[in-house]
Amino acid sequence: MNMAQSINTQPSSLERRGRSQPRPERLDKVLSFEQSVTVTAKGQFGWSVAFIRRPLFQQPEVVLVNPSRSDYLIIDEDGGTRPFYNVRTEDFT
């Protein structure tokens, strides 16, 4: 089998995170104290952790999603939130 044939047999959407889970089982190892307070507070209104972004050479970013899965927020290191628009919803089906 040549290289072109082996590339075509790969899944259509390549998995870029390797072996990392989109949401680690132990969030307390990833979250700062301020971030965990925000996750708890937002969790009372139905928000949950959608995934953790791990950009190269930067701190991991925690992304929350609302119950209707229409809005996403990034939790900053200080516990503040800001909108996150770069989400492909087909990744969550």
Protein backbone atom coordinates (compact mmCIF):
# COMPACT_ATOMS: atom_id res chain seq x y z
CA MET A 1 0.00 0.00 0.00
CA ASN A 2 1.43 3.37 -0.93
CA MET A 3 1.24 6.55 1.15
CA ALA A 4 -1.72 8.00 -0.79
CA GLN A 5 -3.82 4.92 -0.13
CA SER A 6 -2.99 4.87 3.57
CA ILE A 7 -3.95 8.55 3.94
CA ASN A 8 -7.31 7.93 2.28
CA THR A 9 -8.15 5.15 4.73
CA GLN A 10 -7.85 7.53 7.70
CA PRO A 11 -11.08 8.84 9.30
CA SER A 12 -12.46 11.98 7.67
CA SER A 13 -11.99 14.12 10.78
CA LEU A 14 -8.50 13.67 12.17
CA GLU A 15 -8.23 13.54 15.93
CA ARG A 16 -5.89 16.38 16.87
CA ARG A 17 -5.78 15.96 20.62
CA GLY A 18 -4.08 12.58 20.43
CA ARG A 19 -4.81 10.49 23.49
CA SER A 20 -6.02 13.37 25.70
CA GLN A 21 -9.65 13.36 26.74
CA PRO A 22 -11.72 16.47 25.85
CA ARG A 23 -12.65 16.72 29.52
CA PRO A 24 -10.27 15.19 32.08
CA GLU A 25 -11.77 13.08 34.85
CA ARG A 26 -9.98 15.09 37.56
CA LEU A 27 -10.79 18.72 36.85
CA ASP A 28 -9.22 19.83 40.14
CA LYS A 29 -5.78 19.12 38.67
CA VAL A 30 -6.43 21.47 35.73
CA LEU A 31 -8.47 24.26 37.33
CA SER A 32 -7.20 27.07 39.52
CA PHE A 33 -9.16 27.89 42.69
CA GLU A 34 -10.87 30.84 40.99
CA GLN A 35 -11.81 28.72 37.98
CA SER A 36 -13.27 25.98 40.18
CA VAL A 37 -15.39 28.59 42.01
CA THR A 38 -16.71 29.82 38.65
CA VAL A 39 -17.46 26.26 37.46
CA THR A 40 -19.39 25.61 40.69
CA ALA A 41 -21.32 28.90 40.42
CA LYS A 42 -22.17 28.41 36.74
CA GLY A 43 -23.04 24.77 37.43
CA GLN A 44 -25.92 25.93 39.64
CA PHE A 45 -27.47 27.45 36.50
CA GLY A 46 -26.93 24.36 34.36
CA TRP A 47 -23.62 25.27 32.74
CA SER A 48 -21.07 22.46 32.45
CA VAL A 49 -17.50 21.97 31.26
CA ALA A 50 -17.62 21.18 27.54
CA PHE A 51 -13.89 20.65 27.01
CA ILE A 52 -10.42 21.91 27.89
CA ARG A 53 -8.44 23.63 25.14
CA ARG A 54 -4.71 23.06 25.26
CA PRO A 55 -3.07 25.61 22.92
CA LEU A 56 0.64 25.13 22.30
CA PHE A 57 2.89 27.08 24.67
CA GLN A 58 -0.13 28.55 26.53
CA GLN A 59 -2.15 27.75 29.62
CA PRO A 60 -5.07 25.34 29.14
CA GLU A 61 -8.43 27.06 28.61
CA VAL A 62 -11.60 25.72 30.22
CA VAL A 63 -14.70 26.03 28.01
CA LEU A 64 -18.19 25.92 29.52
CA VAL A 65 -21.45 25.26 27.67
CA ASN A 66 -25.00 26.23 28.64
CA PRO A 67 -27.75 23.59 28.95
CA SER A 68 -29.15 24.29 25.47
CA ARG A 69 -25.63 24.01 23.97
CA SER A 70 -26.05 27.36 22.24
CA ASP A 71 -23.50 29.49 24.15
CA TYR A 72 -19.91 28.78 25.15
CA LEU A 73 -17.69 30.62 27.63
CA ILE A 74 -13.97 30.49 28.39
CA ILE A 75 -13.02 30.76 32.05
CA ASP A 76 -9.97 32.96 32.50
CA GLU A 77 -7.26 32.18 35.07
CA ASP A 78 -8.78 34.73 37.47
CA GLY A 79 -12.24 33.11 37.24
CA GLY A 80 -13.73 35.68 34.87
CA THR A 81 -15.58 34.54 31.78
CA ARG A 82 -15.65 35.66 28.17
CA PRO A 83 -17.57 34.39 25.14
CA PHE A 84 -16.07 31.66 23.01
CA TYR A 85 -17.24 31.58 19.40
CA ASN A 86 -14.78 29.16 17.78
CA VAL A 87 -16.85 26.00 18.29
CA ARG A 88 -17.74 23.46 15.63
CA THR A 89 -20.91 21.92 17.01
CA GLU A 90 -20.62 18.87 14.75
CA ASP A 91 -17.72 17.78 16.98
CA PHE A 92 -20.19 17.20 19.83
CA THR A 93 -22.69 14.93 18.11
